[in-house]
């Protein structure tokens, strides 16, 4: 703990801004000069078919969805076995089928020739633009080391104009990395629905792509010049 900083583990039960006090769940009343409230984050699952118990049971999960989702992600990626590229019987329901990560998403679906492994991310800006690709490259590396990469088609399908929205420079480099690894990149497509029971992910083509901060700056510069 930083020198001069105290720590108390408790929930806040009541705010009293008129007296600059907060009441904790154990009844303790604490006074303050300035109050910073950090409520934390709550996962939102705006895509129908994602984030519920049925989805998790059908191998649709998120590494950001909690411990159960993260563990399921590991099980699904490491669950690929030699011969899985041949269409399995319906009794092989425990084979990796779909993995959805709503900040980054993965989907493994059965096909006649190859298992389809799809990664995606939402259209909203995120603070770590590389995060959605990290699990993809980890999966690619694991499958390659196990000699299973030729059985799996990996795709990165996102609703952006570049593979790495924050930077055109790094997008060029990452596009080369994806190509070298045999990863199929599809841009301008947004995940809108997951059908866990059918092993399907539905994408739509989008026309509105979030610009990067530099692109917004250039747009402002052009607007000033036009005036």
C-alpha atoms as a PDB file:
ATOM      1  CA  UNK A   1       0.000   0.000   0.000  1.00  0.00           C
ATOM      2  CA  UNK A   2       1.244   3.488  -0.847  1.00  0.00           C
ATOM      3  CA  UNK A   3       2.560   5.422   2.168  1.00  0.00           C
ATOM      4  CA  UNK A   4      -0.165   7.644   3.623  1.00  0.00           C
ATOM      5  CA  UNK A   5      -3.008   5.744   1.921  1.00  0.00           C
ATOM      6  CA  UNK A   6      -5.401   3.729   4.063  1.00  0.00           C
ATOM      7  CA  UNK A   7      -7.422   0.734   2.870  1.00  0.00           C
ATOM      8  CA  UNK A   8     -10.728  -0.569   4.215  1.00  0.00           C
ATOM      9  CA  UNK A   9     -12.553  -3.487   2.639  1.00  0.00           C
ATOM     10  CA  UNK A  10     -16.292  -2.842   2.861  1.00  0.00           C
ATOM     11  CA  UNK A  11     -19.312  -1.975   0.757  1.00  0.00           C
ATOM     12  CA  UNK A  12     -20.763   1.505   0.722  1.00  0.00           C
ATOM     13  CA  UNK A  13     -24.336   1.418   2.013  1.00  0.00           C
ATOM     14  CA  UNK A  14     -25.169   5.119   1.899  1.00  0.00           C
ATOM     15  CA  UNK A  15     -23.910   8.421   0.497  1.00  0.00           C
ATOM     16  CA  UNK A  16     -24.552  11.689   2.346  1.00  0.00           C
ATOM     17  CA  UNK A  17     -23.162  14.509   0.173  1.00  0.00           C
ATOM     18  CA  UNK A  18     -24.729  17.203   2.393  1.00  0.00           C
ATOM     19  CA  UNK A  19     -22.426  16.240   5.258  1.00  0.00           C
ATOM     20  CA  UNK A  20     -19.564  14.836   3.145  1.00  0.00           C
ATOM     21  CA  UNK A  21     -19.945  11.392   4.654  1.00  0.00           C
ATOM     22  CA  UNK A  22     -20.432   7.798   3.515  1.00  0.00           C
ATOM     23  CA  UNK A  23     -21.841   4.963   5.604  1.00  0.00           C
ATOM     24  CA  UNK A  24     -20.274   1.555   5.079  1.00  0.00           C
ATOM     25  CA  UNK A  25     -22.031  -1.802   5.238  1.00  0.00           C
ATOM     26  CA  UNK A  26     -20.572  -2.458   8.687  1.00  0.00           C
ATOM     27  CA  UNK A  27     -22.049   0.785  10.009  1.00  0.00           C
ATOM     28  CA  UNK A  28     -18.835   2.787   9.944  1.00  0.00           C
ATOM     29  CA  UNK A  29     -19.320   6.442   8.986  1.00  0.00           C
ATOM     30  CA  UNK A  30     -16.433   8.021   7.138  1.00  0.00           C
ATOM     31  CA  UNK A  31     -15.989  11.712   6.320  1.00  0.00           C
ATOM     32  CA  UNK A  32     -14.280  13.099   3.252  1.00  0.00           C
ATOM     33  CA  UNK A  33     -13.175  16.330   1.616  1.00  0.00           C
ATOM     34  CA  UNK A  34     -13.382  14.904  -1.887  1.00  0.00           C
ATOM     35  CA  UNK A  35     -15.083  11.682  -2.934  1.00  0.00           C
ATOM     36  CA  UNK A  36     -14.174   9.636  -5.978  1.00  0.00           C
ATOM     37  CA  UNK A  37     -16.719   6.907  -6.751  1.00  0.00           C
ATOM     38  CA  UNK A  38     -15.496   3.985  -8.863  1.00  0.00           C
ATOM     39  CA  UNK A  39     -18.398   1.604  -9.341  1.00  0.00           C
ATOM     40  CA  UNK A  40     -16.522  -0.900 -11.498  1.00  0.00           C
ATOM     41  CA  UNK A  41     -17.632  -2.504 -14.738  1.00  0.00           C
ATOM     42  CA  UNK A  42     -20.589  -4.638 -15.645  1.00  0.00           C
ATOM     43  CA  UNK A  43     -20.461  -6.913 -18.676  1.00  0.00           C
ATOM     44  CA  UNK A  44     -23.059  -6.050 -21.274  1.00  0.00           C
ATOM     45  CA  UNK A  45     -24.105  -8.652 -23.807  1.00  0.00           C
ATOM     46  CA  UNK A  46     -25.939  -6.684 -26.519  1.00  0.00           C
ATOM     47  CA  UNK A  47     -25.626  -9.546 -29.005  1.00  0.00           C
ATOM     48  CA  UNK A  48     -28.641 -11.894 -28.802  1.00  0.00           C
ATOM     49  CA  UNK A  49     -27.618 -15.428 -27.907  1.00  0.00           C
ATOM     50  CA  UNK A  50     -24.464 -14.443 -26.044  1.00  0.00           C
ATOM     51  CA  UNK A  51     -23.723 -14.306 -22.337  1.00  0.00           C
ATOM     52  CA  UNK A  52     -26.445 -16.595 -20.982  1.00  0.00           C
ATOM     53  CA  UNK A  53     -26.309 -20.086 -19.500  1.00  0.00           C
ATOM     54  CA  UNK A  54     -27.443 -21.718 -22.732  1.00  0.00           C
ATOM     55  CA  UNK A  55     -24.664 -20.000 -24.626  1.00  0.00           C
ATOM     56  CA  UNK A  56     -22.017 -21.148 -22.165  1.00  0.00           C
ATOM     57  CA  UNK A  57     -23.376 -24.695 -22.263  1.00  0.00           C
ATOM     58  CA  UNK A  58     -23.060 -24.631 -26.059  1.00  0.00           C
ATOM     59  CA  UNK A  59     -19.472 -23.394 -26.029  1.00  0.00           C
ATOM     60  CA  UNK A  60     -20.207 -19.697 -26.515  1.00  0.00           C
ATOM     61  CA  UNK A  61     -18.067 -17.866 -24.013  1.00  0.00           C
ATOM     62  CA  UNK A  62     -15.911 -14.850 -23.290  1.00  0.00           C
ATOM     63  CA  UNK A  63     -12.514 -14.642 -21.658  1.00  0.00           C
ATOM     64  CA  UNK A  64     -13.857 -11.424 -20.099  1.00  0.00           C
ATOM     65  CA  UNK A  65     -17.086 -13.040 -18.930  1.00  0.00           C
ATOM     66  CA  UNK A  66     -15.723 -14.424 -15.680  1.00  0.00           C
ATOM     67  CA  UNK A  67     -13.775 -17.458 -14.488  1.00  0.00           C
ATOM     68  CA  UNK A  68     -16.181 -19.986 -16.016  1.00  0.00           C
ATOM     69  CA  UNK A  69     -15.937 -18.358 -19.439  1.00  0.00           C
ATOM     70  CA  UNK A  70     -12.152 -18.085 -19.300  1.00  0.00           C
ATOM     71  CA  UNK A  71     -11.830 -21.724 -18.298  1.00  0.00           C
ATOM     72  CA  UNK A  72     -14.198 -22.767 -21.085  1.00  0.00           C
ATOM     73  CA  UNK A  73     -12.144 -20.800 -23.590  1.00  0.00           C
ATOM     74  CA  UNK A  74      -9.046 -22.780 -22.603  1.00  0.00           C
ATOM     75  CA  UNK A  75     -10.901 -26.091 -22.752  1.00  0.00           C
ATOM     76  CA  UNK A  76     -12.308 -25.365 -26.190  1.00  0.00           C
ATOM     77  CA  UNK A  77      -9.014 -24.328 -27.773  1.00  0.00           C
ATOM     78  CA  UNK A  78      -7.053 -27.183 -26.230  1.00  0.00           C
ATOM     79  CA  UNK A  79      -9.879 -29.602 -27.010  1.00  0.00           C
ATOM     80  CA  UNK A  80      -9.079 -29.779 -30.722  1.00  0.00           C
ATOM     81  CA  UNK A  81      -7.796 -33.267 -31.492  1.00  0.00           C
ATOM     82  CA  UNK A  82      -6.316 -34.937 -34.587  1.00  0.00           C
ATOM     83  CA  UNK A  83      -9.125 -35.930 -36.938  1.00  0.00           C
ATOM     84  CA  UNK A  84     -11.512 -33.207 -35.820  1.00  0.00           C
ATOM     85  CA  UNK A  85     -11.369 -31.789 -39.339  1.00  0.00           C
ATOM     86  CA  UNK A  86     -13.619 -34.665 -40.414  1.00  0.00           C
ATOM     87  CA  UNK A  87     -17.279 -33.964 -39.684  1.00  0.00           C
ATOM     88  CA  UNK A  88     -17.924 -35.604 -36.264  1.00  0.00           C
ATOM     89  CA  UNK A  89     -21.060 -37.463 -35.318  1.00  0.00           C
ATOM     90  CA  UNK A  90     -23.816 -35.685 -33.412  1.00  0.00           C
ATOM     91  CA  UNK A  91     -22.744 -37.580 -30.284  1.00  0.00           C
ATOM     92  CA  UNK A  92     -19.460 -35.627 -30.280  1.00  0.00           C
ATOM     93  CA  UNK A  93     -21.155 -32.571 -28.809  1.00  0.00           C
ATOM     94  CA  UNK A  94     -18.252 -31.925 -26.407  1.00  0.00           C
ATOM     95  CA  UNK A  95     -15.872 -31.114 -29.243  1.00  0.00           C
ATOM     96  CA  UNK A  96     -15.071 -27.389 -29.600  1.00  0.00           C
ATOM     97  CA  UNK A  97     -17.972 -25.834 -31.437  1.00  0.00           C
ATOM     98  CA  UNK A  98     -18.322 -22.126 -30.683  1.00  0.00           C
ATOM     99  CA  UNK A  99     -16.474 -19.624 -28.596  1.00  0.00           C
ATOM    100  CA  UNK A 100     -17.712 -16.071 -28.449  1.00  0.00           C
ATOM    101  CA  UNK A 101     -15.809 -13.252 -26.837  1.00  0.00           C
ATOM    102  CA  UNK A 102     -17.807 -10.054 -26.879  1.00  0.00           C
ATOM    103  CA  UNK A 103     -14.829  -7.818 -26.748  1.00  0.00           C
ATOM    104  CA  UNK A 104     -13.058 -10.403 -28.723  1.00  0.00           C
ATOM    105  CA  UNK A 105     -14.828 -13.445 -29.891  1.00  0.00           C
ATOM    106  CA  UNK A 106     -13.987 -16.877 -31.068  1.00  0.00           C
ATOM    107  CA  UNK A 107     -16.166 -19.416 -32.774  1.00  0.00           C
ATOM    108  CA  UNK A 108     -15.299 -23.029 -33.527  1.00  0.00           C
ATOM    109  CA  UNK A 109     -17.876 -24.685 -35.759  1.00  0.00           C
ATOM    110  CA  UNK A 110     -17.941 -28.057 -37.442  1.00  0.00           C
ATOM    111  CA  UNK A 111     -17.325 -28.230 -41.163  1.00  0.00           C
ATOM    112  CA  UNK A 112     -16.704 -31.072 -43.593  1.00  0.00           C
ATOM    113  CA  UNK A 113     -13.045 -30.144 -44.123  1.00  0.00           C
ATOM    114  CA  UNK A 114     -11.921 -27.660 -41.484  1.00  0.00           C
ATOM    115  CA  UNK A 115     -12.976 -26.471 -38.074  1.00  0.00           C
ATOM    116  CA  UNK A 116     -13.948 -22.814 -38.369  1.00  0.00           C
ATOM    117  CA  UNK A 117     -12.407 -20.625 -35.665  1.00  0.00           C
ATOM    118  CA  UNK A 118     -13.821 -17.078 -35.748  1.00  0.00           C
ATOM    119  CA  UNK A 119     -12.660 -14.132 -33.670  1.00  0.00           C
ATOM    120  CA  UNK A 120     -14.523 -10.835 -33.549  1.00  0.00           C
ATOM    121  CA  UNK A 121     -14.930  -7.651 -31.519  1.00  0.00           C
ATOM    122  CA  UNK A 122     -17.691  -5.051 -31.021  1.00  0.00           C
ATOM    123  CA  UNK A 123     -17.984  -1.828 -33.054  1.00  0.00           C
ATOM    124  CA  UNK A 124     -17.429   0.419 -30.037  1.00  0.00           C
ATOM    125  CA  UNK A 125     -13.978   1.888 -29.324  1.00  0.00           C
ATOM    126  CA  UNK A 126     -11.972   0.015 -26.685  1.00  0.00           C
ATOM    127  CA  UNK A 127      -8.954   1.166 -24.688  1.00  0.00           C
ATOM    128  CA  UNK A 128      -6.719  -1.753 -25.705  1.00  0.00           C
ATOM    129  CA  UNK A 129      -7.029  -2.122 -29.437  1.00  0.00           C
ATOM    130  CA  UNK A 130      -4.788  -5.178 -29.537  1.00  0.00           C
ATOM    131  CA  UNK A 131      -6.679  -7.207 -26.936  1.00  0.00           C
ATOM    132  CA  UNK A 132      -9.140  -8.838 -29.369  1.00  0.00           C
ATOM    133  CA  UNK A 133      -6.249 -10.332 -31.347  1.00  0.00           C
ATOM    134  CA  UNK A 134      -4.178 -11.712 -28.474  1.00  0.00           C
ATOM    135  CA  UNK A 135      -6.322 -14.792 -27.832  1.00  0.00           C
ATOM    136  CA  UNK A 136      -6.429 -15.389 -31.578  1.00  0.00           C
ATOM    137  CA  UNK A 137      -2.639 -15.496 -31.884  1.00  0.00           C
ATOM    138  CA  UNK A 138      -2.406 -17.644 -28.744  1.00  0.00           C
ATOM    139  CA  UNK A 139      -4.863 -20.116 -30.274  1.00  0.00           C
ATOM    140  CA  UNK A 140      -2.940 -20.080 -33.553  1.00  0.00           C
ATOM    141  CA  UNK A 141       0.332 -20.734 -31.708  1.00  0.00           C
ATOM    142  CA  UNK A 142      -1.132 -23.557 -29.619  1.00  0.00           C
ATOM    143  CA  UNK A 143      -2.646 -25.316 -32.629  1.00  0.00           C
ATOM    144  CA  UNK A 144       0.577 -24.903 -34.601  1.00  0.00           C
ATOM    145  CA  UNK A 145       2.677 -26.376 -31.796  1.00  0.00           C
ATOM    146  CA  UNK A 146       0.335 -29.346 -31.558  1.00  0.00           C
ATOM    147  CA  UNK A 147       0.447 -29.922 -35.314  1.00  0.00           C
ATOM    148  CA  UNK A 148      -3.271 -29.173 -35.635  1.00  0.00           C
ATOM    149  CA  UNK A 149      -3.199 -25.823 -37.407  1.00  0.00           C
ATOM    150  CA  UNK A 150      -3.925 -27.293 -40.840  1.00  0.00           C
ATOM    151  CA  UNK A 151      -7.208 -28.651 -39.499  1.00  0.00           C
ATOM    152  CA  UNK A 152      -8.490 -25.224 -38.486  1.00  0.00           C
ATOM    153  CA  UNK A 153      -9.528 -22.186 -40.523  1.00  0.00           C
ATOM    154  CA  UNK A 154      -8.970 -19.071 -38.379  1.00  0.00           C
ATOM    155  CA  UNK A 155     -10.831 -15.875 -39.294  1.00  0.00           C
ATOM    156  CA  UNK A 156     -10.817 -12.401 -37.766  1.00  0.00           C
ATOM    157  CA  UNK A 157     -14.128 -10.706 -38.616  1.00  0.00           C
ATOM    158  CA  UNK A 158     -14.593  -7.176 -37.269  1.00  0.00           C
ATOM    159  CA  UNK A 159     -16.804  -4.123 -37.992  1.00  0.00           C
ATOM    160  CA  UNK A 160     -13.859  -1.822 -38.653  1.00  0.00           C
ATOM    161  CA  UNK A 161     -11.999  -0.569 -41.702  1.00  0.00           C
ATOM    162  CA  UNK A 162      -8.605  -1.740 -40.417  1.00  0.00           C
ATOM    163  CA  UNK A 163      -7.412  -4.813 -38.557  1.00  0.00           C
ATOM    164  CA  UNK A 164      -6.128  -2.521 -35.774  1.00  0.00           C
ATOM    165  CA  UNK A 165      -8.495   0.500 -35.620  1.00  0.00           C
ATOM    166  CA  UNK A 166      -6.305   2.822 -33.500  1.00  0.00           C
ATOM    167  CA  UNK A 167      -3.428   2.885 -35.996  1.00  0.00           C
ATOM    168  CA  UNK A 168      -3.050   2.564 -39.757  1.00  0.00           C
ATOM    169  CA  UNK A 169       0.694   1.977 -39.304  1.00  0.00           C
ATOM    170  CA  UNK A 170       0.258  -1.001 -36.996  1.00  0.00           C
ATOM    171  CA  UNK A 171      -2.651  -2.248 -39.052  1.00  0.00           C
ATOM    172  CA  UNK A 172      -0.303  -2.775 -41.979  1.00  0.00           C
ATOM    173  CA  UNK A 173       2.111  -4.757 -39.810  1.00  0.00           C
ATOM    174  CA  UNK A 174      -0.643  -6.844 -38.198  1.00  0.00           C
ATOM    175  CA  UNK A 175      -2.241  -7.539 -41.566  1.00  0.00           C
ATOM    176  CA  UNK A 176       1.092  -9.049 -42.625  1.00  0.00           C
ATOM    177  CA  UNK A 177       1.241 -11.107 -39.423  1.00  0.00           C
ATOM    178  CA  UNK A 178      -2.259 -12.442 -40.059  1.00  0.00           C
ATOM    179  CA  UNK A 179      -1.405 -13.273 -43.670  1.00  0.00           C
ATOM    180  CA  UNK A 180       1.805 -15.043 -42.657  1.00  0.00           C
ATOM    181  CA  UNK A 181      -0.157 -17.163 -40.201  1.00  0.00           C
ATOM    182  CA  UNK A 182      -2.854 -17.988 -42.734  1.00  0.00           C
ATOM    183  CA  UNK A 183      -5.534 -16.054 -40.843  1.00  0.00           C
ATOM    184  CA  UNK A 184      -8.481 -14.873 -42.913  1.00  0.00           C
ATOM    185  CA  UNK A 185      -9.313 -11.207 -42.179  1.00  0.00           C
ATOM    186  CA  UNK A 186     -12.753  -9.797 -43.032  1.00  0.00           C
ATOM    187  CA  UNK A 187     -13.428  -6.117 -42.320  1.00  0.00           C
ATOM    188  CA  UNK A 188     -16.660  -4.132 -42.081  1.00  0.00           C
ATOM    189  CA  UNK A 189     -18.753  -6.964 -40.621  1.00  0.00           C
ATOM    190  CA  UNK A 190     -20.460  -6.798 -37.218  1.00  0.00           C
ATOM    191  CA  UNK A 191     -21.622  -9.742 -35.117  1.00  0.00           C
ATOM    192  CA  UNK A 192     -25.352  -9.249 -34.511  1.00  0.00           C
ATOM    193  CA  UNK A 193     -26.559 -12.632 -33.276  1.00  0.00           C
ATOM    194  CA  UNK A 194     -25.295 -15.960 -32.012  1.00  0.00           C
ATOM    195  CA  UNK A 195     -27.344 -19.144 -32.336  1.00  0.00           C
ATOM    196  CA  UNK A 196     -25.637 -21.519 -29.885  1.00  0.00           C
ATOM    197  CA  UNK A 197     -27.916 -24.485 -30.485  1.00  0.00           C
ATOM    198  CA  UNK A 198     -27.301 -24.244 -34.241  1.00  0.00           C
ATOM    199  CA  UNK A 199     -23.582 -23.468 -34.002  1.00  0.00           C
ATOM    200  CA  UNK A 200     -24.086 -20.294 -36.017  1.00  0.00           C
ATOM    201  CA  UNK A 201     -22.872 -16.706 -35.760  1.00  0.00           C
ATOM    202  CA  UNK A 202     -24.703 -14.004 -37.750  1.00  0.00           C
ATOM    203  CA  UNK A 203     -22.805 -10.992 -39.108  1.00  0.00           C
ATOM    204  CA  UNK A 204     -24.038  -7.946 -40.976  1.00  0.00           C
ATOM    205  CA  UNK A 205     -22.108  -5.678 -43.310  1.00  0.00           C
ATOM    206  CA  UNK A 206     -21.700  -2.242 -41.749  1.00  0.00           C
ATOM    207  CA  UNK A 207     -21.052   1.076 -43.462  1.00  0.00           C
ATOM    208  CA  UNK A 208     -20.347   3.216 -40.402  1.00  0.00           C
ATOM    209  CA  UNK A 209     -16.861   2.527 -39.099  1.00  0.00           C
ATOM    210  CA  UNK A 210     -15.548   4.245 -35.979  1.00  0.00           C
ATOM    211  CA  UNK A 211     -12.671   6.547 -37.003  1.00  0.00           C
ATOM    212  CA  UNK A 212      -9.411   6.629 -35.096  1.00  0.00           C
ATOM    213  CA  UNK A 213      -8.467   9.698 -33.049  1.00  0.00           C
ATOM    214  CA  UNK A 214      -5.989  10.726 -35.752  1.00  0.00           C
ATOM    215  CA  UNK A 215      -8.641  10.357 -38.442  1.00  0.00           C
ATOM    216  CA  UNK A 216     -11.020  12.522 -36.400  1.00  0.00           C
ATOM    217  CA  UNK A 217      -8.249  15.108 -36.035  1.00  0.00           C
ATOM    218  CA  UNK A 218      -7.627  15.127 -39.769  1.00  0.00           C
ATOM    219  CA  UNK A 219     -11.355  15.517 -40.386  1.00  0.00           C
ATOM    220  CA  UNK A 220     -11.403  18.563 -38.106  1.00  0.00           C
ATOM    221  CA  UNK A 221      -8.392  19.985 -39.943  1.00  0.00           C
ATOM    222  CA  UNK A 222     -10.141  19.513 -43.290  1.00  0.00           C
ATOM    223  CA  UNK A 223     -13.273  21.209 -41.911  1.00  0.00           C
ATOM    224  CA  UNK A 224     -11.238  24.223 -40.804  1.00  0.00           C
ATOM    225  CA  UNK A 225      -9.584  24.467 -44.220  1.00  0.00           C
ATOM    226  CA  UNK A 226     -12.959  24.318 -46.004  1.00  0.00           C
ATOM    227  CA  UNK A 227     -14.344  27.231 -43.986  1.00  0.00           C
END
